[in-house]
Amino acid sequence: MTFKSIKNAKVNQQVIQQIKDSIYQGKLKKGDRLPTVSELHEAWGVSKSSIREAFSALELIGVLRTRTSEGTFITSDGNSTSFLEPLFLMLALEENISKELLEFRMLLECDCIRLAVDKILPCELDEMKKYIEIQGESKENEKSRIEADKMFHYAIAKASGNKVMYQALTLISDTIDLQIKDANSKLALDLNNILKFTHQQDEEIYNAIKDKDYNKAIKALRVYINYFDELINQVKMNIKNE
């Protein structure tokens, strides 16, 4: 494939832009091998260090992958969340963003449920049920119960069949989880009661999805999200009163 010559002062950014443009235009696809650094150096007339910097930046966000002795390829990892991570890292740095994150999660998971209800497979219901059972059986293992709750919601997103929604949910959940841990450390919350609540709500969501009752599933999800909104608000009030 051919690239335009690069003359801009911000050379590495121009290299990145050329590769991105080629992907958007369909000239580069998953699994395609890029020319070597030396070949691009000759074609573009730019320093090898600028090309390596551009490759490193694109590899960091999951666009490229370098394989030793093979070359640099457009990544074929369809499950990578790297391309969304910079956005959620920036959001995590914003103050008072927790409510907006929870609102976004509500919208996102509502759509995941809507899609999942229409095409849920028995094996996907079995996976959800497995995580419900883990929450009920692992009463002495808080870590397993927390993980099972998270995996239950990921299973819903996966059942939607939309990879971008699945990836976004995993990242936003990680961001919210950190805020819940912060709430727990500052308020000395009764984690066992929280886990009982999440188990109960997850079970209601599961039963509604199994019955293809979208409205009932959304109602249970809203109770779930609002509960965590209240926990985070308690932390804010405590900090304000200190």
C-alpha atoms as a PDB file:
ATOM      1  CA  MET A   1       0.000   0.000   0.000  1.00  0.00           C
ATOM      2  CA  THR A   2       1.096   3.630  -0.466  1.00  0.00           C
ATOM      3  CA  PHE A   3       1.314   6.498   2.005  1.00  0.00           C
ATOM      4  CA  LYS A   4       1.670  10.241   1.508  1.00  0.00           C
ATOM      5  CA  SER A   5       4.979  11.931   2.301  1.00  0.00           C
ATOM      6  CA  ILE A   6       5.091  13.599   5.704  1.00  0.00           C
ATOM      7  CA  LYS A   7       6.192  17.203   6.153  1.00  0.00           C
ATOM      8  CA  ASN A   8       4.481  18.320   9.353  1.00  0.00           C
ATOM      9  CA  ALA A   9       6.666  19.279  12.310  1.00  0.00           C
ATOM     10  CA  LYS A  10       4.814  16.851  14.604  1.00  0.00           C
ATOM     11  CA  VAL A  11       6.082  13.883  12.667  1.00  0.00           C
ATOM     12  CA  ASN A  12       5.046  11.023  14.954  1.00  0.00           C
ATOM     13  CA  GLN A  13       1.471  12.370  15.117  1.00  0.00           C
ATOM     14  CA  GLN A  14       1.349  12.497  11.329  1.00  0.00           C
ATOM     15  CA  VAL A  15       2.548   8.889  11.147  1.00  0.00           C
ATOM     16  CA  ILE A  16      -0.234   7.917  13.556  1.00  0.00           C
ATOM     17  CA  GLN A  17      -2.792   9.841  11.495  1.00  0.00           C
ATOM     18  CA  GLN A  18      -1.730   8.150   8.245  1.00  0.00           C
ATOM     19  CA  ILE A  19      -2.128   4.711   9.772  1.00  0.00           C
ATOM     20  CA  LYS A  20      -5.500   5.660  11.297  1.00  0.00           C
ATOM     21  CA  ASP A  21      -6.707   7.073   7.975  1.00  0.00           C
ATOM     22  CA  SER A  22      -5.695   3.866   6.205  1.00  0.00           C
ATOM     23  CA  ILE A  23      -7.709   1.848   8.728  1.00  0.00           C
ATOM     24  CA  TYR A  24     -10.781   4.095   8.382  1.00  0.00           C
ATOM     25  CA  GLN A  25     -10.550   3.892   4.581  1.00  0.00           C
ATOM     26  CA  GLY A  26     -10.329   0.102   4.681  1.00  0.00           C
ATOM     27  CA  LYS A  27      -6.821   0.015   3.236  1.00  0.00           C
ATOM     28  CA  LEU A  28      -5.534  -1.637   6.403  1.00  0.00           C
ATOM     29  CA  LYS A  29      -7.457  -4.438   8.099  1.00  0.00           C
ATOM     30  CA  LYS A  30      -7.052  -6.691  11.117  1.00  0.00           C
ATOM     31  CA  GLY A  31      -4.069  -8.960  10.713  1.00  0.00           C
ATOM     32  CA  ASP A  32      -2.386  -6.856   8.006  1.00  0.00           C
ATOM     33  CA  ARG A  33       1.378  -6.527   8.356  1.00  0.00           C
ATOM     34  CA  LEU A  34       2.773  -2.997   8.180  1.00  0.00           C
ATOM     35  CA  PRO A  35       5.936  -2.161   6.241  1.00  0.00           C
ATOM     36  CA  THR A  36       9.087  -2.220   8.363  1.00  0.00           C
ATOM     37  CA  VAL A  37      10.407   0.898  10.073  1.00  0.00           C
ATOM     38  CA  SER A  38      13.190   1.057   7.475  1.00  0.00           C
ATOM     39  CA  GLU A  39      10.717   0.775   4.596  1.00  0.00           C
ATOM     40  CA  LEU A  40       8.522   3.530   6.021  1.00  0.00           C
ATOM     41  CA  HIS A  41      11.607   5.652   6.682  1.00  0.00           C
ATOM     42  CA  GLU A  42      12.445   5.411   2.980  1.00  0.00           C
ATOM     43  CA  ALA A  43       8.849   5.988   1.830  1.00  0.00           C
ATOM     44  CA  TRP A  44       8.082   8.917   4.116  1.00  0.00           C
ATOM     45  CA  GLY A  45      11.500  10.508   4.509  1.00  0.00           C
ATOM     46  CA  VAL A  46      11.092  10.794   8.280  1.00  0.00           C
ATOM     47  CA  SER A  47      13.294   9.588  11.110  1.00  0.00           C
ATOM     48  CA  LYS A  48      13.065   5.989  12.253  1.00  0.00           C
ATOM     49  CA  SER A  49      12.661   7.186  15.850  1.00  0.00           C
ATOM     50  CA  SER A  50       9.468   9.090  14.913  1.00  0.00           C
ATOM     51  CA  ILE A  51       8.047   5.971  13.271  1.00  0.00           C
ATOM     52  CA  ARG A  52       8.939   3.840  16.311  1.00  0.00           C
ATOM     53  CA  GLU A  53       7.294   6.410  18.617  1.00  0.00           C
ATOM     54  CA  ALA A  54       4.131   6.283  16.509  1.00  0.00           C
ATOM     55  CA  PHE A  55       4.150   2.470  16.526  1.00  0.00           C
ATOM     56  CA  SER A  56       4.586   2.443  20.320  1.00  0.00           C
ATOM     57  CA  ALA A  57       1.675   4.855  20.815  1.00  0.00           C
ATOM     58  CA  LEU A  58      -0.608   2.791  18.577  1.00  0.00           C
ATOM     59  CA  GLU A  59       0.475  -0.427  20.272  1.00  0.00           C
ATOM     60  CA  LEU A  60      -0.315   1.100  23.660  1.00  0.00           C
ATOM     61  CA  ILE A  61      -3.950   1.706  22.677  1.00  0.00           C
ATOM     62  CA  GLY A  62      -4.318  -1.715  21.065  1.00  0.00           C
ATOM     63  CA  VAL A  63      -4.225  -0.746  17.385  1.00  0.00           C
ATOM     64  CA  LEU A  64      -0.899  -2.415  16.591  1.00  0.00           C
ATOM     65  CA  ARG A  65       0.907  -5.473  17.849  1.00  0.00           C
ATOM     66  CA  THR A  66       4.574  -6.260  17.274  1.00  0.00           C
ATOM     67  CA  ARG A  67       5.625  -9.895  17.014  1.00  0.00           C
ATOM     68  CA  THR A  68       9.302 -10.648  17.378  1.00  0.00           C
ATOM     69  CA  SER A  69      10.926 -11.678  14.085  1.00  0.00           C
ATOM     70  CA  GLU A  70       7.572 -11.325  12.293  1.00  0.00           C
ATOM     71  CA  GLY A  71       6.837  -7.604  12.188  1.00  0.00           C
ATOM     72  CA  THR A  72       4.140  -5.145  13.230  1.00  0.00           C
ATOM     73  CA  PHE A  73       0.502  -5.985  12.568  1.00  0.00           C
ATOM     74  CA  ILE A  74      -2.900  -4.367  12.835  1.00  0.00           C
ATOM     75  CA  THR A  75      -4.206  -6.063  15.952  1.00  0.00           C
ATOM     76  CA  SER A  76      -6.657  -8.915  15.505  1.00  0.00           C
ATOM     77  CA  ASP A  77      -7.635  -8.966  19.178  1.00  0.00           C
ATOM     78  CA  GLY A  78     -11.362  -8.247  18.985  1.00  0.00           C
ATOM     79  CA  ASN A  79     -11.708  -8.326  22.768  1.00  0.00           C
ATOM     80  CA  SER A  80      -9.191  -5.574  23.466  1.00  0.00           C
ATOM     81  CA  THR A  81     -10.488  -2.707  25.586  1.00  0.00           C
ATOM     82  CA  SER A  82      -7.336  -0.629  25.132  1.00  0.00           C
ATOM     83  CA  PHE A  83      -8.886   1.790  22.664  1.00  0.00           C
ATOM     84  CA  LEU A  84     -11.439   2.900  25.280  1.00  0.00           C
ATOM     85  CA  GLU A  85      -9.071   3.092  28.250  1.00  0.00           C
ATOM     86  CA  PRO A  86      -7.788   6.650  27.620  1.00  0.00           C
ATOM     87  CA  LEU A  87     -11.369   7.963  27.695  1.00  0.00           C
ATOM     88  CA  PHE A  88     -12.209   6.306  30.996  1.00  0.00           C
ATOM     89  CA  LEU A  89      -8.870   7.308  32.538  1.00  0.00           C
ATOM     90  CA  MET A  90      -9.656  10.935  31.700  1.00  0.00           C
ATOM     91  CA  LEU A  91     -13.136  10.557  33.172  1.00  0.00           C
ATOM     92  CA  ALA A  92     -11.692   9.045  36.350  1.00  0.00           C
ATOM     93  CA  LEU A  93      -9.596  12.205  36.814  1.00  0.00           C
ATOM     94  CA  GLU A  94     -12.678  14.425  36.706  1.00  0.00           C
ATOM     95  CA  GLU A  95     -14.146  15.540  40.020  1.00  0.00           C
ATOM     96  CA  ASN A  96     -17.771  14.706  40.887  1.00  0.00           C
ATOM     97  CA  ILE A  97     -18.093  12.426  37.861  1.00  0.00           C
ATOM     98  CA  SER A  98     -19.530   9.401  39.711  1.00  0.00           C
ATOM     99  CA  LYS A  99     -23.196  10.284  39.109  1.00  0.00           C
ATOM    100  CA  GLU A 100     -22.560  10.764  35.390  1.00  0.00           C
ATOM    101  CA  LEU A 101     -20.722   7.434  35.222  1.00  0.00           C
ATOM    102  CA  LEU A 102     -23.606   5.641  36.925  1.00  0.00           C
ATOM    103  CA  GLU A 103     -26.103   7.319  34.600  1.00  0.00           C
ATOM    104  CA  PHE A 104     -24.028   6.214  31.625  1.00  0.00           C
ATOM    105  CA  ARG A 105     -23.820   2.686  32.975  1.00  0.00           C
ATOM    106  CA  MET A 106     -27.608   2.633  33.394  1.00  0.00           C
ATOM    107  CA  LEU A 107     -28.147   3.688  29.781  1.00  0.00           C
ATOM    108  CA  LEU A 108     -25.524   1.267  28.526  1.00  0.00           C
ATOM    109  CA  GLU A 109     -26.752  -1.731  30.475  1.00  0.00           C
ATOM    110  CA  CYS A 110     -30.390  -0.996  29.569  1.00  0.00           C
ATOM    111  CA  ASP A 111     -29.436  -1.338  25.916  1.00  0.00           C
ATOM    112  CA  CYS A 112     -27.438  -4.487  26.666  1.00  0.00           C
ATOM    113  CA  ILE A 113     -30.515  -6.005  28.324  1.00  0.00           C
ATOM    114  CA  ARG A 114     -32.770  -4.908  25.464  1.00  0.00           C
ATOM    115  CA  LEU A 115     -30.542  -6.668  22.931  1.00  0.00           C
ATOM    116  CA  ALA A 116     -29.953  -9.707  25.140  1.00  0.00           C
ATOM    117  CA  VAL A 117     -33.663 -10.295  25.842  1.00  0.00           C
ATOM    118  CA  ASP A 118     -34.373 -10.606  22.126  1.00  0.00           C
ATOM    119  CA  LYS A 119     -31.690 -13.192  21.365  1.00  0.00           C
ATOM    120  CA  ILE A 120     -30.526 -14.779  24.618  1.00  0.00           C
ATOM    121  CA  LEU A 121     -29.194 -18.323  24.177  1.00  0.00           C
ATOM    122  CA  PRO A 122     -29.647 -21.140  26.714  1.00  0.00           C
ATOM    123  CA  CYS A 123     -25.870 -21.314  27.230  1.00  0.00           C
ATOM    124  CA  GLU A 124     -25.808 -17.574  28.009  1.00  0.00           C
ATOM    125  CA  LEU A 125     -28.605 -17.965  30.546  1.00  0.00           C
ATOM    126  CA  ASP A 126     -26.650 -20.850  32.083  1.00  0.00           C
ATOM    127  CA  GLU A 127     -23.596 -18.614  32.427  1.00  0.00           C
ATOM    128  CA  MET A 128     -25.645 -15.905  34.148  1.00  0.00           C
ATOM    129  CA  LYS A 129     -27.214 -18.471  36.466  1.00  0.00           C
ATOM    130  CA  LYS A 130     -23.761 -19.773  37.386  1.00  0.00           C
ATOM    131  CA  TYR A 131     -22.747 -16.324  38.660  1.00  0.00           C
ATOM    132  CA  ILE A 132     -26.019 -16.002  40.593  1.00  0.00           C
ATOM    133  CA  GLU A 133     -25.330 -19.341  42.292  1.00  0.00           C
ATOM    134  CA  ILE A 134     -21.759 -18.371  43.173  1.00  0.00           C
ATOM    135  CA  GLN A 135     -23.077 -15.258  44.922  1.00  0.00           C
ATOM    136  CA  GLY A 136     -25.482 -17.379  46.958  1.00  0.00           C
ATOM    137  CA  GLU A 137     -23.074 -20.188  47.819  1.00  0.00           C
ATOM    138  CA  SER A 138     -19.830 -18.312  48.569  1.00  0.00           C
ATOM    139  CA  LYS A 139     -21.046 -16.583  51.724  1.00  0.00           C
ATOM    140  CA  GLU A 140     -17.634 -16.737  53.408  1.00  0.00           C
ATOM    141  CA  ASN A 141     -15.757 -15.600  50.317  1.00  0.00           C
ATOM    142  CA  GLU A 142     -16.470 -11.925  49.695  1.00  0.00           C
ATOM    143  CA  LYS A 143     -13.960 -11.688  46.862  1.00  0.00           C
ATOM    144  CA  SER A 144     -15.707 -14.481  44.913  1.00  0.00           C
ATOM    145  CA  ARG A 145     -19.116 -12.869  45.455  1.00  0.00           C
ATOM    146  CA  ILE A 146     -17.897  -9.469  44.256  1.00  0.00           C
ATOM    147  CA  GLU A 147     -16.311 -11.041  41.180  1.00  0.00           C
ATOM    148  CA  ALA A 148     -19.449 -13.093  40.445  1.00  0.00           C
ATOM    149  CA  ASP A 149     -21.614  -9.956  40.579  1.00  0.00           C
ATOM    150  CA  LYS A 150     -19.300  -8.216  38.122  1.00  0.00           C
ATOM    151  CA  MET A 151     -19.158 -11.237  35.804  1.00  0.00           C
ATOM    152  CA  PHE A 152     -22.960 -11.517  35.844  1.00  0.00           C
ATOM    153  CA  HIS A 153     -23.294  -8.020  34.400  1.00  0.00           C
ATOM    154  CA  TYR A 154     -20.508  -8.703  31.897  1.00  0.00           C
ATOM    155  CA  ALA A 155     -22.410 -11.818  30.806  1.00  0.00           C
ATOM    156  CA  ILE A 156     -25.458  -9.661  30.049  1.00  0.00           C
ATOM    157  CA  ALA A 157     -23.331  -7.322  27.940  1.00  0.00           C
ATOM    158  CA  LYS A 158     -21.754 -10.276  26.150  1.00  0.00           C
ATOM    159  CA  ALA A 159     -25.208 -11.707  25.407  1.00  0.00           C
ATOM    160  CA  SER A 160     -26.128  -8.422  23.706  1.00  0.00           C
ATOM    161  CA  GLY A 161     -23.769  -9.403  20.891  1.00  0.00           C
ATOM    162  CA  ASN A 162     -22.319  -5.873  20.787  1.00  0.00           C
ATOM    163  CA  LYS A 163     -18.565  -5.923  21.418  1.00  0.00           C
ATOM    164  CA  VAL A 164     -18.233  -2.163  21.881  1.00  0.00           C
ATOM    165  CA  MET A 165     -20.970  -2.119  24.523  1.00  0.00           C
ATOM    166  CA  TYR A 166     -19.328  -5.071  26.273  1.00  0.00           C
ATOM    167  CA  GLN A 167     -15.927  -3.371  26.285  1.00  0.00           C
ATOM    168  CA  ALA A 168     -17.374  -0.069  27.489  1.00  0.00           C
ATOM    169  CA  LEU A 169     -19.215  -1.786  30.343  1.00  0.00           C
ATOM    170  CA  THR A 170     -16.087  -3.587  31.566  1.00  0.00           C
ATOM    171  CA  LEU A 171     -14.159  -0.324  31.705  1.00  0.00           C
ATOM    172  CA  ILE A 172     -16.874   1.794  33.285  1.00  0.00           C
ATOM    173  CA  SER A 173     -17.455  -0.947  35.872  1.00  0.00           C
ATOM    174  CA  ASP A 174     -13.759  -0.878  36.804  1.00  0.00           C
ATOM    175  CA  THR A 175     -13.952   2.895  37.278  1.00  0.00           C
ATOM    176  CA  ILE A 176     -17.090   2.662  39.427  1.00  0.00           C
ATOM    177  CA  ASP A 177     -15.642  -0.253  41.434  1.00  0.00           C
ATOM    178  CA  LEU A 178     -12.758   1.953  42.554  1.00  0.00           C
ATOM    179  CA  GLN A 179     -15.242   4.536  43.808  1.00  0.00           C
ATOM    180  CA  ILE A 180     -17.212   1.850  45.666  1.00  0.00           C
ATOM    181  CA  LYS A 181     -13.983   0.651  47.321  1.00  0.00           C
ATOM    182  CA  ASP A 182     -13.280   4.258  48.280  1.00  0.00           C
ATOM    183  CA  ALA A 183     -16.764   4.502  49.794  1.00  0.00           C
ATOM    184  CA  ASN A 184     -16.187   1.275  51.711  1.00  0.00           C
ATOM    185  CA  SER A 185     -12.861   2.471  53.140  1.00  0.00           C
ATOM    186  CA  LYS A 186     -14.298   5.823  54.242  1.00  0.00           C
ATOM    187  CA  LEU A 187     -17.650   4.645  55.604  1.00  0.00           C
ATOM    188  CA  ALA A 188     -16.724   1.177  56.913  1.00  0.00           C
ATOM    189  CA  LEU A 189     -19.715  -0.247  55.048  1.00  0.00           C
ATOM    190  CA  ASP A 190     -21.241  -3.619  55.852  1.00  0.00           C
ATOM    191  CA  LEU A 191     -19.959  -5.453  52.790  1.00  0.00           C
ATOM    192  CA  ASN A 192     -21.996  -8.559  53.560  1.00  0.00           C
ATOM    193  CA  ASN A 193     -25.239  -6.557  53.369  1.00  0.00           C
ATOM    194  CA  ILE A 194     -24.136  -4.943  50.113  1.00  0.00           C
ATOM    195  CA  LEU A 195     -23.419  -8.374  48.625  1.00  0.00           C
ATOM    196  CA  LYS A 196     -26.781  -9.712  49.787  1.00  0.00           C
ATOM    197  CA  PHE A 197     -28.423  -6.798  48.016  1.00  0.00           C
ATOM    198  CA  THR A 198     -26.471  -7.249  44.760  1.00  0.00           C
ATOM    199  CA  HIS A 199     -27.257 -10.974  44.798  1.00  0.00           C
ATOM    200  CA  GLN A 200     -30.971 -10.276  45.216  1.00  0.00           C
ATOM    201  CA  GLN A 201     -31.049  -7.679  42.425  1.00  0.00           C
ATOM    202  CA  ASP A 202     -28.963  -9.804  40.068  1.00  0.00           C
ATOM    203  CA  GLU A 203     -31.373 -12.684  40.623  1.00  0.00           C
ATOM    204  CA  GLU A 204     -34.330 -10.427  39.771  1.00  0.00           C
ATOM    205  CA  ILE A 205     -32.578  -9.198  36.624  1.00  0.00           C
ATOM    206  CA  TYR A 206     -31.748 -12.776  35.628  1.00  0.00           C
ATOM    207  CA  ASN A 207     -35.313 -14.031  36.106  1.00  0.00           C
ATOM    208  CA  ALA A 208     -36.688 -11.106  34.105  1.00  0.00           C
ATOM    209  CA  ILE A 209     -34.264 -11.730  31.229  1.00  0.00           C
ATOM    210  CA  LYS A 210     -35.104 -15.442  31.297  1.00  0.00           C
ATOM    211  CA  ASP A 211     -38.804 -14.522  31.074  1.00  0.00           C
ATOM    212  CA  LYS A 212     -37.995 -11.986  28.321  1.00  0.00           C
ATOM    213  CA  ASP A 213     -39.509  -9.259  30.504  1.00  0.00           C
ATOM    214  CA  TYR A 214     -37.468  -6.192  29.547  1.00  0.00           C
ATOM    215  CA  ASN A 215     -39.361  -3.726  31.764  1.00  0.00           C
ATOM    216  CA  LYS A 216     -38.983  -5.872  34.872  1.00  0.00           C
ATOM    217  CA  ALA A 217     -35.263  -6.334  34.215  1.00  0.00           C
ATOM    218  CA  ILE A 218     -34.766  -2.580  33.811  1.00  0.00           C
ATOM    219  CA  LYS A 219     -36.686  -1.889  37.021  1.00  0.00           C
ATOM    220  CA  ALA A 220     -34.391  -4.246  38.962  1.00  0.00           C
ATOM    221  CA  LEU A 221     -31.306  -2.744  37.323  1.00  0.00           C
ATOM    222  CA  ARG A 222     -32.431   0.781  38.259  1.00  0.00           C
ATOM    223  CA  VAL A 223     -32.741  -0.250  41.913  1.00  0.00           C
ATOM    224  CA  TYR A 224     -29.237  -1.757  41.682  1.00  0.00           C
ATOM    225  CA  ILE A 225     -27.668   1.391  40.170  1.00  0.00           C
ATOM    226  CA  ASN A 226     -29.499   3.775  42.523  1.00  0.00           C
ATOM    227  CA  TYR A 227     -28.211   1.824  45.521  1.00  0.00           C
ATOM    228  CA  PHE A 228     -24.602   2.456  44.551  1.00  0.00           C
ATOM    229  CA  ASP A 229     -25.378   6.069  43.744  1.00  0.00           C
ATOM    230  CA  GLU A 230     -26.553   6.460  47.344  1.00  0.00           C
ATOM    231  CA  LEU A 231     -23.362   4.872  48.698  1.00  0.00           C
ATOM    232  CA  ILE A 232     -21.159   7.274  46.755  1.00  0.00           C
ATOM    233  CA  ASN A 233     -23.340  10.212  47.834  1.00  0.00           C
ATOM    234  CA  GLN A 234     -22.806   9.202  51.456  1.00  0.00           C
ATOM    235  CA  VAL A 235     -19.054   9.507  50.959  1.00  0.00           C
ATOM    236  CA  LYS A 236     -19.445  12.980  49.449  1.00  0.00           C
ATOM    237  CA  MET A 237     -21.597  14.100  52.374  1.00  0.00           C
ATOM    238  CA  ASN A 238     -19.086  12.760  54.899  1.00  0.00           C
ATOM    239  CA  ILE A 239     -16.209  14.554  53.174  1.00  0.00           C
ATOM    240  CA  LYS A 240     -18.237  17.768  53.028  1.00  0.00           C
ATOM    241  CA  ASN A 241     -19.006  17.595  56.762  1.00  0.00           C
ATOM    242  CA  GLU A 242     -15.415  16.901  57.827  1.00  0.00           C
END
